[in-house]
C-alpha atoms as a PDB file:
ATOM      1  CA  MET A   1       0.131   0.229   0.164  1.00  0.00           C
ATOM      2  CA  THR A   2       1.347   3.575  -1.159  1.00  0.00           C
ATOM      3  CA  LEU A   3       1.100   6.274   1.291  1.00  0.00           C
ATOM      4  CA  PRO A   4      -0.573   9.644  -0.081  1.00  0.00           C
ATOM      5  CA  ALA A   5       1.719  12.193  -1.728  1.00  0.00           C
ATOM      6  CA  LEU A   6       1.207  14.329   1.808  1.00  0.00           C
ATOM      7  CA  HIS A   7       2.917  11.233   3.985  1.00  0.00           C
ATOM      8  CA  GLN A   8       5.385  10.549   1.451  1.00  0.00           C
ATOM      9  CA  ARG A   9       9.082  11.490   2.420  1.00  0.00           C
ATOM     10  CA  CYS A  10      11.938  12.429   0.158  1.00  0.00           C
ATOM     11  CA  TRP A  11      14.102   9.450  -0.956  1.00  0.00           C
ATOM     12  CA  ASN A  12      17.282  11.368  -0.535  1.00  0.00           C
ATOM     13  CA  HIS A  13      16.282  13.406   2.651  1.00  0.00           C
ATOM     14  CA  GLU A  14      13.986  11.191   5.185  1.00  0.00           C
ATOM     15  CA  GLY A  15      13.300  14.622   7.025  1.00  0.00           C
ATOM     16  CA  ARG A  16      11.647  16.129   4.445  1.00  0.00           C
ATOM     17  CA  GLU A  17       8.001  15.911   2.550  1.00  0.00           C
ATOM     18  CA  ALA A  18       7.861  14.732  -0.984  1.00  0.00           C
ATOM     19  CA  VAL A  19       6.700  16.966  -3.543  1.00  0.00           C
ATOM     20  CA  CYS A  20       6.673  15.066  -6.515  1.00  0.00           C
ATOM     21  CA  ARG A  21       7.463  11.511  -7.746  1.00  0.00           C
ATOM     22  CA  CYS A  22       9.970  10.683 -11.003  1.00  0.00           C
ATOM     23  CA  PRO A  23       8.385   9.767 -13.503  1.00  0.00           C
ATOM     24  CA  GLN A  24      11.050   7.394 -14.708  1.00  0.00           C
ATOM     25  CA  CYS A  25      11.809   5.678 -11.574  1.00  0.00           C
ATOM     26  CA  GLY A  26       8.692   6.221  -9.614  1.00  0.00           C
ATOM     27  CA  ARG A  27      10.342   7.379  -6.646  1.00  0.00           C
ATOM     28  CA  SER A  28       9.496  10.215  -4.537  1.00  0.00           C
ATOM     29  CA  PHE A  29      11.542  13.543  -4.246  1.00  0.00           C
ATOM     30  CA  CYS A  30      11.541  16.717  -2.174  1.00  0.00           C
ATOM     31  CA  ARG A  31      11.572  20.537  -4.450  1.00  0.00           C
ATOM     32  CA  GLU A  32      15.992  20.116  -4.185  1.00  0.00           C
ATOM     33  CA  CYS A  33      16.311  16.618  -5.598  1.00  0.00           C
ATOM     34  CA  VAL A  34      14.147  17.258  -8.789  1.00  0.00           C
ATOM     35  CA  ALA A  35      14.868  19.535 -11.979  1.00  0.00           C
ATOM     36  CA  GLU A  36      12.528  19.943 -14.858  1.00  0.00           C
ATOM     37  CA  HIS A  37      13.668  18.640 -18.200  1.00  0.00           C
ATOM     38  CA  GLU A  38      10.878  18.716 -21.489  1.00  0.00           C
ATOM     39  CA  MET A  39       7.982  19.313 -19.139  1.00  0.00           C
ATOM     40  CA  ARG A  40       8.467  16.741 -16.752  1.00  0.00           C
ATOM     41  CA  PHE A  41      10.214  16.553 -13.395  1.00  0.00           C
ATOM     42  CA  LEU A  42      12.899  13.980 -13.560  1.00  0.00           C
ATOM     43  CA  CYS A  43      15.175  13.062 -10.053  1.00  0.00           C
ATOM     44  CA  ALA A  44      19.016  13.507 -10.781  1.00  0.00           C
ATOM     45  CA  ALA A  45      19.715  10.281 -11.631  1.00  0.00           C
ATOM     46  CA  CYS A  46      17.355   9.738 -14.275  1.00  0.00           C
ATOM     47  CA  LEU A  47      17.982  12.864 -15.295  1.00  0.00           C
ATOM     48  CA  LYS A  48      21.416  12.158 -15.806  1.00  0.00           C
ATOM     49  CA  ALA A  49      20.633   9.169 -17.945  1.00  0.00           C
ATOM     50  CA  ALA A  50      18.167  11.075 -20.243  1.00  0.00           C
ATOM     51  CA  VAL A  51      20.571  13.973 -21.051  1.00  0.00           C
ATOM     52  CA  ALA A  52      23.355  10.519 -21.696  1.00  0.00           C
ATOM     53  CA  ALA A  53      20.636   9.446 -23.914  1.00  0.00           C
ATOM     54  CA  ARG A  54      20.061  12.237 -26.297  1.00  0.00           C
ATOM     55  CA  PRO A  55      21.604  12.141 -29.683  1.00  0.00           C
ATOM     56  CA  ALA A  56      24.119  14.468 -30.145  1.00  0.00           C
ATOM     57  CA  ALA A  57      23.387  17.554 -32.284  1.00  0.00           C
ATOM     58  CA  PRO A  58      24.461  17.872 -35.670  1.00  0.00           C
ATOM     59  CA  LYS A  59      27.577  19.350 -36.563  1.00  0.00           C
ATOM     60  CA  ARG A  60      27.065  22.814 -38.750  1.00  0.00           C
ATOM     61  CA  SER A  61      29.450  23.520 -41.224  1.00  0.00           C
ATOM     62  CA  ARG A  62      32.231  25.821 -41.160  1.00  0.00           C
ATOM     63  CA  PHE A  63      30.176  28.942 -42.664  1.00  0.00           C
ATOM     64  CA  GLY A  64      26.917  27.983 -40.645  1.00  0.00           C
ATOM     65  CA  HIS A  65      24.074  30.867 -41.583  1.00  0.00           C
ATOM     66  CA  ALA A  66      25.912  33.067 -43.195  1.00  0.00           C
ATOM     67  CA  GLY A  67      27.333  30.598 -45.548  1.00  0.00           C
ATOM     68  CA  LEU A  68      23.477  29.817 -46.266  1.00  0.00           C
ATOM     69  CA  ALA A  69      23.125  33.700 -46.866  1.00  0.00           C
ATOM     70  CA  LEU A  70      26.049  33.844 -49.140  1.00  0.00           C
ATOM     71  CA  ALA A  71      24.456  31.533 -51.229  1.00  0.00           C
ATOM     72  CA  GLY A  72      21.021  33.045 -51.271  1.00  0.00           C
ATOM     73  CA  VAL A  73      22.146  36.152 -51.963  1.00  0.00           C
ATOM     74  CA  LEU A  74      24.267  34.950 -55.030  1.00  0.00           C
ATOM     75  CA  LEU A  75      21.291  32.915 -56.313  1.00  0.00           C
ATOM     76  CA  ALA A  76      19.279  35.876 -55.992  1.00  0.00           C
ATOM     77  CA  TRP A  77      21.831  38.082 -58.357  1.00  0.00           C
ATOM     78  CA  ALA A  78      21.855  35.266 -60.785  1.00  0.00           C
ATOM     79  CA  ILE A  79      18.530  34.962 -61.478  1.00  0.00           C
ATOM     80  CA  LEU A  80      17.962  38.620 -61.787  1.00  0.00           C
ATOM     81  CA  PHE A  81      20.908  39.102 -63.596  1.00  0.00           C
ATOM     82  CA  SER A  82      19.761  36.201 -66.181  1.00  0.00           C
ATOM     83  CA  ALA A  83      15.880  37.954 -66.211  1.00  0.00           C
ATOM     84  CA  GLY A  84      17.320  41.366 -67.211  1.00  0.00           C
ATOM     85  CA  GLU A  85      20.013  39.872 -69.813  1.00  0.00           C
ATOM     86  CA  THR A  86      17.131  38.477 -71.501  1.00  0.00           C
ATOM     87  CA  ILE A  87      14.838  41.218 -71.309  1.00  0.00           C
ATOM     88  CA  MET A  88      17.671  43.343 -72.955  1.00  0.00           C
ATOM     89  CA  THR A  89      17.984  40.873 -75.565  1.00  0.00           C
ATOM     90  CA  PHE A  90      14.226  40.831 -76.539  1.00  0.00           C
ATOM     91  CA  THR A  91      14.056  44.708 -76.696  1.00  0.00           C
ATOM     92  CA  GLY A  92      17.012  44.819 -78.592  1.00  0.00           C
ATOM     93  CA  ARG A  93      15.579  42.128 -81.223  1.00  0.00           C
ATOM     94  CA  LEU A  94      12.477  44.539 -81.344  1.00  0.00           C
ATOM     95  CA  GLU A  95      14.193  47.127 -82.133  1.00  0.00           C
ATOM     96  CA  GLN A  96      16.357  45.642 -84.795  1.00  0.00           C
ATOM     97  CA  THR A  97      12.929  44.170 -86.746  1.00  0.00           C
ATOM     98  CA  GLY A  98      11.567  47.543 -86.448  1.00  0.00           C
ATOM     99  CA  TRP A  99       8.622  47.294 -84.000  1.00  0.00           C
ATOM    100  CA  GLN A 100       7.370  50.897 -82.602  1.00  0.00           C
ATOM    101  CA  ASN A 101       4.400  51.671 -80.894  1.00  0.00           C
ATOM    102  CA  ARG A 102       3.342  55.037 -83.083  1.00  0.00           C
END
């Protein structure tokens, strides 16, 4: 039979009242023995295991976000430059054929 939360004691500190139960190990702990991790309160041992089990963050390239920004600017320049050259070529051909609005 388990005691109500009000009468349970901290697993680490027998003189302190437990305020929550660790969802991983099921033991009760006082406020000082738990920490919030991903919207849950975990004890120190379970927190250490959760952090160790988390996959490593992917490595970023040397250039990071600055490299992506530069690539985007260069791509935009190339597209606009090509569009301008196409318009210039088209209007030049129209002038050569003698087509004008009168």
